[in-house]
Amino acid sequence: MSEPNKSIPAGFVQYLSVEQVSLILGCSTNTVARQFESIEGVIDIGTPGSLHKRRLRRLRIPRQALERYIAERQVSRRRRH
């Protein structure tokens, strides 16, 4: 079976949903949304809230941002030990 990244054209940014990232990281979707909402490159395609409706947040997270997040967490864990 081939890797999914090999079929992606050069220069194409692959975006992941909050649900996909939560499966990769092994945490809840709420945690992913909180951790990634302010990271550069993350797109919020949700709807704004109004007086009688709550905001709907749909984040799309670039694979590179996820990889950077994982790398930074691994470095910070090494420094603690």
N, C-alpha and C. Protein backbone atom coordinates (compact mmCIF):
# COMPACT_ATOMS: atom_id res chain seq x y z
N MET A 1 0.84 -1.17 0.00
CA MET A 1 0.00 0.00 0.00
C MET A 1 0.89 1.23 0.00
N SER A 2 0.56 2.22 -0.83
CA SER A 2 1.39 3.42 -0.91
C SER A 2 0.98 4.42 0.16
N GLU A 3 1.91 5.32 0.49
CA GLU A 3 1.63 6.35 1.48
C GLU A 3 0.74 7.42 0.86
N PRO A 4 -0.21 7.97 1.62
CA PRO A 4 -1.12 8.97 1.05
C PRO A 4 -0.42 10.25 0.63
N ASN A 5 0.69 10.62 1.27
CA ASN A 5 1.38 11.87 0.93
C ASN A 5 2.03 11.83 -0.44
N LYS A 6 2.33 10.64 -0.97
CA LYS A 6 2.99 10.54 -2.26
C LYS A 6 2.09 10.96 -3.41
N SER A 7 0.78 10.91 -3.22
CA SER A 7 -0.14 11.28 -4.29
C SER A 7 -0.50 12.76 -4.26
N ILE A 8 0.01 13.50 -3.30
CA ILE A 8 -0.29 14.93 -3.18
C ILE A 8 0.70 15.71 -4.03
N PRO A 9 0.19 16.57 -4.93
CA PRO A 9 1.10 17.36 -5.78
C PRO A 9 1.98 18.31 -4.96
N ALA A 10 3.15 18.62 -5.50
CA ALA A 10 4.06 19.54 -4.83
C ALA A 10 3.41 20.90 -4.71
N GLY A 11 3.58 21.55 -3.57
CA GLY A 11 3.00 22.86 -3.33
C GLY A 11 1.57 22.82 -2.84
N PHE A 12 0.98 21.66 -2.78
CA PHE A 12 -0.39 21.50 -2.32
C PHE A 12 -0.39 21.32 -0.81
N VAL A 13 -1.22 22.08 -0.11
CA VAL A 13 -1.29 21.99 1.35
C VAL A 13 -2.42 21.04 1.72
N GLN A 14 -2.10 20.03 2.51
CA GLN A 14 -3.13 19.09 2.96
C GLN A 14 -3.67 19.57 4.30
N TYR A 15 -4.98 19.74 4.36
CA TYR A 15 -5.64 20.17 5.59
C TYR A 15 -6.34 19.00 6.24
N LEU A 16 -6.28 18.96 7.57
CA LEU A 16 -6.93 17.92 8.35
C LEU A 16 -8.04 18.53 9.19
N SER A 17 -9.06 17.74 9.44
CA SER A 17 -10.15 18.20 10.31
C SER A 17 -9.73 18.02 11.77
N VAL A 18 -10.48 18.63 12.65
CA VAL A 18 -10.23 18.49 14.09
C VAL A 18 -10.36 17.02 14.49
N GLU A 19 -11.33 16.32 13.91
CA GLU A 19 -11.54 14.91 14.24
C GLU A 19 -10.34 14.06 13.83
N GLN A 20 -9.77 14.34 12.65
CA GLN A 20 -8.60 13.59 12.20
C GLN A 20 -7.40 13.83 13.11
N VAL A 21 -7.19 15.09 13.49
CA VAL A 21 -6.06 15.43 14.37
C VAL A 21 -6.26 14.80 15.75
N SER A 22 -7.49 14.77 16.24
CA SER A 22 -7.73 14.17 17.56
C SER A 22 -7.42 12.68 17.55
N LEU A 23 -7.68 12.00 16.44
CA LEU A 23 -7.33 10.58 16.34
C LEU A 23 -5.81 10.39 16.30
N ILE A 24 -5.12 11.27 15.60
CA ILE A 24 -3.66 11.18 15.51
C ILE A 24 -3.01 11.44 16.87
N LEU A 25 -3.50 12.46 17.59
CA LEU A 25 -2.89 12.84 18.87
C LEU A 25 -3.44 12.04 20.05
N GLY A 26 -4.59 11.39 19.86
CA GLY A 26 -5.18 10.61 20.94
C GLY A 26 -5.79 11.47 22.03
N CYS A 27 -6.41 12.57 21.63
CA CYS A 27 -7.06 13.44 22.60
C CYS A 27 -8.43 13.86 22.06
N SER A 28 -9.17 14.62 22.84
CA SER A 28 -10.53 15.00 22.44
C SER A 28 -10.51 16.09 21.37
N THR A 29 -11.64 16.20 20.67
CA THR A 29 -11.77 17.24 19.65
C THR A 29 -11.75 18.63 20.28
N ASN A 30 -12.28 18.76 21.50
CA ASN A 30 -12.26 20.05 22.19
C ASN A 30 -10.82 20.48 22.48
N THR A 31 -9.99 19.54 22.90
CA THR A 31 -8.59 19.84 23.18
C THR A 31 -7.88 20.29 21.91
N VAL A 32 -8.12 19.60 20.81
CA VAL A 32 -7.50 19.96 19.53
C VAL A 32 -7.92 21.37 19.13
N ALA A 33 -9.21 21.67 19.23
CA ALA A 33 -9.70 22.99 18.85
C ALA A 33 -9.04 24.08 19.69
N ARG A 34 -8.92 23.85 20.99
CA ARG A 34 -8.29 24.85 21.87
C ARG A 34 -6.82 25.02 21.54
N GLN A 35 -6.12 23.91 21.29
CA GLN A 35 -4.68 23.99 21.05
C GLN A 35 -4.33 24.62 19.70
N PHE A 36 -5.18 24.41 18.70
CA PHE A 36 -4.84 24.82 17.34
C PHE A 36 -5.54 26.09 16.87
N GLU A 37 -6.51 26.62 17.60
CA GLU A 37 -7.28 27.75 17.10
C GLU A 37 -6.45 29.00 16.84
N SER A 38 -5.34 29.17 17.55
CA SER A 38 -4.54 30.38 17.37
C SER A 38 -3.21 30.11 16.64
N ILE A 39 -3.02 28.91 16.14
CA ILE A 39 -1.78 28.58 15.43
C ILE A 39 -1.85 29.12 14.01
N GLU A 40 -0.74 29.68 13.55
CA GLU A 40 -0.67 30.25 12.20
C GLU A 40 -0.93 29.18 11.15
N GLY A 41 -1.77 29.51 10.18
CA GLY A 41 -2.07 28.60 9.08
C GLY A 41 -3.37 27.84 9.25
N VAL A 42 -3.90 27.81 10.48
CA VAL A 42 -5.15 27.10 10.73
C VAL A 42 -6.31 27.97 10.23
N ILE A 43 -7.22 27.34 9.51
CA ILE A 43 -8.35 28.06 8.91
C ILE A 43 -9.62 27.73 9.68
N ASP A 44 -10.38 28.76 10.02
CA ASP A 44 -11.68 28.59 10.67
C ASP A 44 -12.76 28.84 9.63
N ILE A 45 -13.45 27.78 9.20
CA ILE A 45 -14.48 27.92 8.18
C ILE A 45 -15.87 27.80 8.80
N GLY A 46 -15.95 28.01 10.08
CA GLY A 46 -17.23 27.93 10.78
C GLY A 46 -18.08 29.17 10.56
N THR A 47 -19.16 29.23 11.31
CA THR A 47 -20.07 30.36 11.21
C THR A 47 -19.97 31.22 12.46
N PRO A 48 -20.12 32.54 12.32
CA PRO A 48 -20.08 33.39 13.50
C PRO A 48 -21.36 33.22 14.32
N GLY A 49 -21.27 33.48 15.58
CA GLY A 49 -22.44 33.39 16.43
C GLY A 49 -23.32 34.62 16.28
N SER A 50 -24.52 34.52 16.80
CA SER A 50 -25.42 35.67 16.81
C SER A 50 -26.11 35.70 18.17
N LEU A 51 -27.08 36.55 18.29
CA LEU A 51 -27.77 36.72 19.56
C LEU A 51 -28.40 35.41 20.06
N HIS A 52 -28.98 34.64 19.15
CA HIS A 52 -29.70 33.43 19.56
C HIS A 52 -29.07 32.13 19.10
N LYS A 53 -27.92 32.21 18.44
CA LYS A 53 -27.25 31.00 17.97
C LYS A 53 -25.79 31.04 18.39
N ARG A 54 -25.32 29.90 18.84
CA ARG A 54 -23.91 29.85 19.21
C ARG A 54 -23.04 29.73 17.96
N ARG A 55 -21.79 30.09 18.13
CA ARG A 55 -20.83 30.03 17.03
C ARG A 55 -20.54 28.57 16.68
N LEU A 56 -20.43 28.27 15.41
CA LEU A 56 -20.03 26.95 14.96
C LEU A 56 -18.60 27.05 14.45
N ARG A 57 -17.72 26.31 15.06
CA ARG A 57 -16.30 26.40 14.72
C ARG A 57 -15.89 25.13 13.97
N ARG A 58 -15.42 25.32 12.75
CA ARG A 58 -14.87 24.22 11.95
C ARG A 58 -13.46 24.60 11.55
N LEU A 59 -12.50 23.97 12.17
CA LEU A 59 -11.10 24.29 11.88
C LEU A 59 -10.55 23.31 10.86
N ARG A 60 -9.68 23.82 10.02
CA ARG A 60 -8.90 22.99 9.11
C ARG A 60 -7.44 23.26 9.43
N ILE A 61 -6.73 22.19 9.77
CA ILE A 61 -5.37 22.30 10.28
C ILE A 61 -4.40 21.77 9.22
N PRO A 62 -3.45 22.60 8.78
CA PRO A 62 -2.47 22.12 7.79
C PRO A 62 -1.60 21.02 8.40
N ARG A 63 -1.29 20.03 7.61
CA ARG A 63 -0.45 18.92 8.09
C ARG A 63 0.88 19.44 8.62
N GLN A 64 1.44 20.46 7.99
CA GLN A 64 2.71 21.03 8.45
C GLN A 64 2.57 21.62 9.85
N ALA A 65 1.44 22.26 10.14
CA ALA A 65 1.22 22.82 11.48
C ALA A 65 1.14 21.71 12.51
N LEU A 66 0.50 20.60 12.16
CA LEU A 66 0.43 19.45 13.07
C LEU A 66 1.81 18.88 13.31
N GLU A 67 2.59 18.71 12.26
CA GLU A 67 3.95 18.17 12.41
C GLU A 67 4.81 19.09 13.27
N ARG A 68 4.67 20.41 13.07
CA ARG A 68 5.42 21.38 13.88
C ARG A 68 5.01 21.31 15.34
N TYR A 69 3.71 21.18 15.59
CA TYR A 69 3.17 21.06 16.95
C TYR A 69 3.74 19.82 17.64
N ILE A 70 3.75 18.70 16.94
CA ILE A 70 4.27 17.45 17.51
C ILE A 70 5.76 17.59 17.81
N ALA A 71 6.52 18.18 16.88
CA ALA A 71 7.96 18.35 17.08
C ALA A 71 8.25 19.25 18.28
N GLU A 72 7.50 20.34 18.42
CA GLU A 72 7.72 21.24 19.56
C GLU A 72 7.41 20.56 20.88
N ARG A 73 6.38 19.74 20.92
CA ARG A 73 6.04 19.03 22.16
C ARG A 73 7.10 18.00 22.52
N GLN A 74 7.69 17.36 21.50
CA GLN A 74 8.74 16.38 21.78
C GLN A 74 9.97 17.07 22.33
N VAL A 75 10.31 18.24 21.82
CA VAL A 75 11.48 18.99 22.31
C VAL A 75 11.24 19.43 23.75
N SER A 76 10.03 19.95 24.04
CA SER A 76 9.76 20.41 25.40
C SER A 76 9.75 19.26 26.40
N ARG A 77 9.34 18.09 25.98
CA ARG A 77 9.37 16.93 26.88
C ARG A 77 10.81 16.49 27.15
N ARG A 78 11.66 16.58 26.16
CA ARG A 78 13.07 16.20 26.36
C ARG A 78 13.76 17.14 27.34
N ARG A 79 13.40 18.42 27.29
CA ARG A 79 14.01 19.41 28.18
C ARG A 79 13.61 19.18 29.62
N ARG A 80 12.41 18.66 29.85
CA ARG A 80 11.95 18.41 31.22
C ARG A 80 12.65 17.23 31.86
N HIS A 81 13.14 16.31 31.04
CA HIS A 81 13.75 15.09 31.61
C HIS A 81 15.19 15.25 31.82
